[in-house]
Amino acid sequence: MSTSSRIRRIGWFAALAVCTALYLLLHLRVMAVHGEVVRAERSIVRLEQEKILLETEFETRASLLQLAAWNRVDFGYSAPTAAQFLDHHRDLAEFGSPRAPGAPEPIRVARADGDAPAYPKLVSPLTGRPIDPALLEPESARRENLAAAGARGGAMRVPLGAVIGNAAP
């Protein structure tokens, strides 16, 4: 191999090494600029969120001022004082007054007599027909099913026939 070709080969390797070094420096610089851009974008997002928060607070305070102005002019409400609070519910009962003449009677809860059934006849919400009493479990059996279901950790079986009745598909 001649010296000129050897020098040419060394020159190419040197040029390749210089280009690789310049590429690495350029790549590092691009990554640094990219990091700065990401930090700037995060700062912009943070500042936008802060701006939205401040706008909301400003609008809220403006609304409060408007409500306070309306209260002064139109309503005249004031904050309760300590003397307006009651210590016991009996104190509240003292504010009551007897019923006025002609006032309606208070609503009272009805109670079934001993021979009347405890509950009215159940009606299916799907069909509108009465539910067959044979499909309903007695209270004692239902309690036993609930206790057994709780002991097993499962759910109680619900008879769907009681709800659906003889509904046709």
Protein backbone atom coordinates (compact mmCIF):
# COMPACT_ATOMS: atom_id res chain seq x y z
CA MET A 1 0.00 0.00 0.00
CA SER A 2 1.37 3.41 -0.89
CA THR A 3 1.80 6.26 1.54
CA SER A 4 -0.64 8.50 -0.32
CA SER A 5 -3.44 5.94 -0.01
CA ARG A 6 -2.55 5.43 3.65
CA ILE A 7 -2.69 9.19 4.26
CA ARG A 8 -5.98 9.36 2.34
CA ARG A 9 -7.41 6.53 4.51
CA ILE A 10 -6.26 8.25 7.73
CA GLY A 11 -7.80 11.50 6.44
CA TRP A 12 -11.15 9.79 5.86
CA PHE A 13 -11.07 8.27 9.38
CA ALA A 14 -10.22 11.69 10.83
CA ALA A 15 -13.03 13.34 8.84
CA LEU A 16 -15.44 10.62 10.00
CA ALA A 17 -14.33 11.08 13.63
CA VAL A 18 -14.79 14.89 13.39
CA CYS A 19 -18.26 14.47 11.82
CA THR A 20 -19.26 11.95 14.51
CA ALA A 21 -18.05 14.30 17.28
CA LEU A 22 -19.91 17.24 15.72
CA TYR A 23 -23.04 15.09 15.40
CA LEU A 24 -22.83 14.11 19.10
CA LEU A 25 -22.39 17.76 20.11
CA LEU A 26 -25.33 18.78 17.93
CA HIS A 27 -27.45 15.95 19.36
CA LEU A 28 -26.61 16.99 22.94
CA ARG A 29 -27.51 20.60 22.11
CA VAL A 30 -30.83 19.55 20.55
CA MET A 31 -31.67 17.47 23.65
CA ALA A 32 -30.83 20.46 25.90
CA VAL A 33 -33.09 22.75 23.85
CA HIS A 34 -35.83 20.08 23.91
CA GLY A 35 -35.61 19.97 27.73
CA GLU A 36 -35.95 23.74 27.88
CA VAL A 37 -39.00 23.60 25.58
CA VAL A 38 -40.63 20.93 27.79
CA ARG A 39 -39.96 23.02 30.93
CA ALA A 40 -41.41 26.10 29.19
CA GLU A 41 -44.54 24.16 28.13
CA ARG A 42 -45.04 22.90 31.69
CA SER A 43 -44.64 26.44 32.99
CA ILE A 44 -47.21 27.67 30.46
CA VAL A 45 -49.70 24.98 31.51
CA ARG A 46 -49.13 25.79 35.20
CA LEU A 47 -49.63 29.51 34.55
CA GLU A 48 -52.81 28.84 32.53
CA GLN A 49 -54.21 26.75 35.38
CA GLU A 50 -53.34 29.49 37.85
CA LYS A 51 -55.02 32.04 35.56
CA ILE A 52 -58.20 29.94 35.41
CA LEU A 53 -58.15 29.64 39.21
CA LEU A 54 -57.77 33.38 39.62
CA GLU A 55 -60.52 34.09 37.08
CA THR A 56 -62.85 31.74 38.95
CA GLU A 57 -62.01 33.38 42.26
CA PHE A 58 -62.55 36.84 40.77
CA GLU A 59 -65.94 35.86 39.33
CA THR A 60 -66.93 34.28 42.64
CA ARG A 61 -65.99 37.37 44.60
CA ALA A 62 -67.81 39.56 42.10
CA SER A 63 -70.89 37.36 42.50
CA LEU A 64 -70.58 37.62 46.28
CA LEU A 65 -70.40 41.38 46.06
CA GLN A 66 -73.46 41.41 43.80
CA LEU A 67 -75.34 39.13 46.21
CA ALA A 68 -74.34 41.33 49.15
CA ALA A 69 -75.61 44.40 47.28
CA TRP A 70 -78.91 42.69 46.47
CA ASN A 71 -79.22 41.58 50.09
CA ARG A 72 -78.71 45.15 51.33
CA VAL A 73 -81.17 46.64 48.85
CA ASP A 74 -83.84 43.96 48.35
CA PHE A 75 -83.79 41.31 51.05
CA GLY A 76 -82.21 42.70 54.20
CA TYR A 77 -80.96 39.33 55.49
CA SER A 78 -78.41 39.31 58.27
CA ALA A 79 -76.24 36.62 59.81
CA PRO A 80 -77.71 34.90 62.86
CA THR A 81 -76.49 36.02 66.25
CA ALA A 82 -75.60 33.80 69.19
CA ALA A 83 -78.90 34.69 70.90
CA GLN A 84 -80.84 33.12 68.01
CA PHE A 85 -79.50 29.59 68.59
CA LEU A 86 -81.43 27.21 70.84
CA ASP A 87 -79.91 24.84 73.38
CA HIS A 88 -82.55 22.12 73.26
CA HIS A 89 -85.42 20.96 71.09
CA ARG A 90 -87.81 21.76 73.91
CA ASP A 91 -86.87 25.42 73.52
CA LEU A 92 -88.04 25.14 69.92
CA ALA A 93 -91.35 23.63 71.04
CA GLU A 94 -92.04 26.72 73.14
CA PHE A 95 -92.31 28.75 69.93
CA GLY A 96 -95.32 26.67 68.85
CA SER A 97 -98.86 27.94 69.07
CA PRO A 98 -102.17 26.10 69.44
CA ARG A 99 -104.01 25.21 66.26
CA ALA A 100 -106.11 27.99 64.86
CA PRO A 101 -109.87 27.53 64.59
CA GLY A 102 -110.78 25.85 61.32
CA ALA A 103 -107.32 24.31 60.83
CA PRO A 104 -107.38 20.78 59.39
CA GLU A 105 -106.94 17.83 61.71
CA PRO A 106 -103.42 16.38 61.84
CA ILE A 107 -102.81 13.26 59.77
CA ARG A 108 -102.81 10.12 61.88
CA VAL A 109 -101.45 6.68 61.10
CA ALA A 110 -104.03 3.90 60.77
CA ARG A 111 -103.68 0.68 62.74
CA ALA A 112 -105.19 -2.67 61.77
CA ASP A 113 -107.37 -4.56 64.24
CA GLY A 114 -106.55 -8.11 65.32
CA ASP A 115 -108.78 -9.85 62.73
CA ALA A 116 -107.74 -7.64 59.77
CA PRO A 117 -104.86 -8.80 57.56
CA ALA A 118 -101.56 -7.11 58.40
CA TYR A 119 -100.80 -6.11 54.81
CA PRO A 120 -102.97 -5.43 51.78
CA LYS A 121 -102.95 -7.84 48.87
CA LEU A 122 -99.71 -7.49 46.94
CA VAL A 123 -99.88 -6.57 43.26
CA SER A 124 -97.16 -7.28 40.70
CA PRO A 125 -95.68 -4.04 39.35
CA LEU A 126 -95.11 -5.72 35.97
CA THR A 127 -98.55 -7.20 35.31
CA GLY A 128 -100.82 -5.27 37.68
CA ARG A 129 -102.43 -8.54 38.85
CA PRO A 130 -102.47 -9.76 42.46
CA ILE A 131 -99.57 -11.99 43.51
CA ASP A 132 -100.39 -15.59 44.36
CA PRO A 133 -100.06 -15.92 48.17
CA ALA A 134 -98.71 -19.47 47.80
CA LEU A 135 -95.60 -18.03 46.15
CA LEU A 136 -94.86 -15.79 49.09
CA GLU A 137 -92.83 -17.16 51.97
CA PRO A 138 -94.16 -16.84 55.51
CA GLU A 139 -92.22 -14.46 57.78
CA SER A 140 -90.56 -17.25 59.78
CA ALA A 141 -89.32 -19.03 56.63
CA ARG A 142 -87.97 -15.74 55.27
CA ARG A 143 -86.04 -15.11 58.48
CA GLU A 144 -84.58 -18.62 58.32
CA ASN A 145 -83.56 -18.07 54.68
CA LEU A 146 -81.93 -14.77 55.56
CA ALA A 147 -80.07 -16.34 58.48
CA ALA A 148 -78.94 -19.29 56.33
CA ALA A 149 -77.89 -16.96 53.50
CA GLY A 150 -75.91 -14.84 55.95
CA ALA A 151 -74.23 -17.94 57.38
CA ARG A 152 -73.32 -19.18 53.87
CA GLY A 153 -72.19 -15.72 52.81
CA GLY A 154 -74.57 -15.84 49.85
CA ALA A 155 -77.79 -14.14 48.87
CA MET A 156 -81.34 -15.23 49.54
CA ARG A 157 -83.24 -16.77 46.63
CA VAL A 158 -86.10 -14.56 45.47
CA PRO A 159 -89.10 -16.25 43.85
CA LEU A 160 -89.51 -14.38 40.56
CA GLY A 161 -92.89 -15.99 40.02
CA ALA A 162 -94.19 -13.86 42.87
CA VAL A 163 -93.25 -10.70 41.01
CA ILE A 164 -93.89 -11.73 37.42
CA GLY A 165 -97.01 -13.78 37.98
CA ASN A 166 -98.41 -15.27 34.80
CA ALA A 167 -96.97 -12.67 32.48
CA ALA A 168 -96.80 -13.74 28.88
CA PRO A 169 -93.58 -12.94 27.01
